[in-house]
Amino acid sequence: QVQLIESGGGLVQPGGSLRLSCVGLGGAFTMAWFRQAPGTEREFVAANRRGADDTYYADSVKGRFRISRDNAKTTVFLQMNDLKPEDTAVYYCAAGRPITSTIRTVRAYNYWGQGTQVTVSS
């Protein structure tokens, strides 16, 4: 059974930083991060498709968040800087093989982690 295991969430003050990690699938899979705040739909945050230069970001996090993989391609990271209260959500790691037009959609990913809570508050 495929497992994606996230870690690194927590409570941070506005303007602070956190780094999330997700261990599991890698290699040829596209790895992505989504988030879901209470009462909202799960939304795309960032994705990395098999290479350092092939990355995608939501407009709301562009310039503040960075997705990356380790050399073995089995761990994906989400470095989150200049965090804002509106970044508060459960963050989910996902893996799949989406085409470019669907890379930001939930349905394009087959494998999901259990989620890790990120809370930005003073």
Protein backbone atom coordinates (compact mmCIF):
# COMPACT_ATOMS: atom_id res chain seq x y z
CA GLN A 1 0.00 0.00 0.00
CA VAL A 2 1.35 3.39 -0.98
CA GLN A 3 1.93 5.78 1.89
CA LEU A 4 2.82 9.43 1.90
CA ILE A 5 3.93 10.70 5.28
CA GLU A 6 4.00 14.43 6.00
CA SER A 7 5.76 16.24 8.81
CA GLY A 8 6.81 19.74 9.80
CA GLY A 9 3.54 21.48 10.56
CA GLY A 10 2.99 23.58 13.65
CA LEU A 11 2.18 26.99 15.07
CA VAL A 12 4.11 29.99 13.79
CA GLN A 13 3.75 33.76 14.07
CA PRO A 14 2.94 35.90 11.03
CA GLY A 15 6.09 36.52 9.03
CA GLY A 16 7.64 33.28 10.23
CA SER A 17 8.74 30.20 8.31
CA LEU A 18 8.07 26.47 8.30
CA ARG A 19 9.32 23.62 6.18
CA LEU A 20 7.04 20.68 5.42
CA SER A 21 8.37 17.30 4.35
CA CYS A 22 6.66 14.39 2.62
CA VAL A 23 8.26 10.98 2.33
CA GLY A 24 6.94 8.31 0.00
CA LEU A 25 6.58 8.16 -3.74
CA GLY A 26 9.04 9.94 -5.92
CA GLY A 27 10.79 9.15 -9.15
CA ALA A 28 8.52 9.65 -12.11
CA PHE A 29 5.57 10.88 -10.06
CA THR A 30 4.54 14.49 -9.88
CA MET A 31 4.54 15.55 -6.23
CA ALA A 32 2.31 18.34 -5.01
CA TRP A 33 1.06 20.15 -1.96
CA PHE A 34 -2.56 21.12 -1.38
CA ARG A 35 -4.19 22.76 1.62
CA GLN A 36 -7.63 22.91 3.14
CA ALA A 37 -8.93 25.42 5.66
CA PRO A 38 -12.11 24.72 7.67
CA GLY A 39 -15.24 25.15 5.59
CA THR A 40 -13.35 25.46 2.30
CA GLU A 41 -12.43 23.17 -0.55
CA ARG A 42 -8.98 21.68 -0.87
CA GLU A 43 -6.82 24.01 -2.95
CA PHE A 44 -3.62 23.68 -4.89
CA VAL A 45 -0.44 25.14 -3.41
CA ALA A 46 2.55 23.88 -5.41
CA ALA A 47 3.72 21.00 -7.60
CA ASN A 48 7.02 19.60 -8.84
CA ARG A 49 7.14 17.41 -11.90
CA ARG A 50 10.28 15.28 -11.99
CA GLY A 51 12.71 18.13 -12.19
CA ALA A 52 13.86 21.20 -10.33
CA ASP A 53 12.79 23.57 -13.08
CA ASP A 54 9.35 22.12 -13.68
CA THR A 55 7.45 23.67 -10.78
CA TYR A 56 4.05 25.27 -10.41
CA TYR A 57 2.67 27.56 -7.71
CA ALA A 58 -0.65 29.07 -6.70
CA ASP A 59 -0.63 32.84 -7.14
CA SER A 60 -1.29 33.27 -3.42
CA VAL A 61 2.02 31.65 -2.44
CA LYS A 62 4.28 32.57 -5.36
CA GLY A 63 7.44 34.22 -4.12
CA ARG A 64 6.92 33.02 -0.55
CA PHE A 65 6.79 29.22 -0.88
CA ARG A 66 9.25 26.91 -2.61
CA ILE A 67 8.76 23.25 -3.50
CA SER A 68 11.79 21.01 -3.90
CA ARG A 69 12.89 17.37 -3.84
CA ASP A 70 15.90 15.60 -2.42
CA ASN A 71 18.45 14.00 -4.75
CA ALA A 72 16.88 10.57 -4.40
CA LYS A 73 13.53 12.11 -5.39
CA THR A 74 11.73 10.26 -2.60
CA THR A 75 11.12 13.27 -0.37
CA VAL A 76 9.40 16.49 -1.34
CA PHE A 77 9.68 19.67 0.70
CA LEU A 78 7.62 22.82 0.96
CA GLN A 79 9.58 25.76 2.33
CA MET A 80 7.10 28.38 3.50
CA ASN A 81 8.36 31.88 4.24
CA ASP A 82 6.62 35.10 5.24
CA LEU A 83 3.64 33.14 6.47
CA LYS A 84 0.29 34.90 6.82
CA PRO A 85 -2.80 34.04 8.88
CA GLU A 86 -4.59 33.12 5.66
CA ASP A 87 -2.05 30.34 5.12
CA THR A 88 -3.57 28.52 8.10
CA ALA A 89 -4.84 25.13 6.90
CA VAL A 90 -4.21 21.42 6.87
CA TYR A 91 -1.53 20.79 4.27
CA TYR A 92 -1.62 17.60 2.23
CA CYS A 93 1.05 15.93 0.16
CA ALA A 94 -0.11 14.28 -3.07
CA ALA A 95 1.38 12.17 -5.83
CA GLY A 96 0.16 11.40 -9.31
CA ARG A 97 0.78 11.67 -13.01
CA PRO A 98 -1.23 14.69 -14.12
CA ILE A 99 -0.96 16.35 -17.46
CA THR A 100 -0.09 20.05 -17.43
CA SER A 101 -3.70 21.23 -17.73
CA THR A 102 -4.75 19.27 -14.62
CA ILE A 103 -1.68 19.67 -12.42
CA ARG A 104 -3.53 22.07 -10.11
CA THR A 105 -6.60 19.85 -9.65
CA VAL A 106 -7.33 17.49 -6.77
CA ARG A 107 -8.72 14.77 -9.01
CA ALA A 108 -5.41 14.43 -10.91
CA TYR A 109 -3.66 12.88 -7.91
CA ASN A 110 -4.07 9.27 -6.84
CA TYR A 111 -2.12 9.21 -3.59
CA TRP A 112 -2.51 11.44 -0.55
CA GLY A 113 -0.92 11.88 2.84
CA GLN A 114 -2.83 12.23 6.08
CA GLY A 115 -2.26 15.98 6.34
CA THR A 116 -0.33 18.22 8.71
CA GLN A 117 -1.73 21.29 10.45
CA VAL A 118 -0.17 24.69 9.86
CA THR A 119 -1.42 27.53 12.04
CA VAL A 120 -0.24 31.10 11.57
CA SER A 121 -1.23 33.26 14.50
CA SER A 122 0.20 35.78 16.92
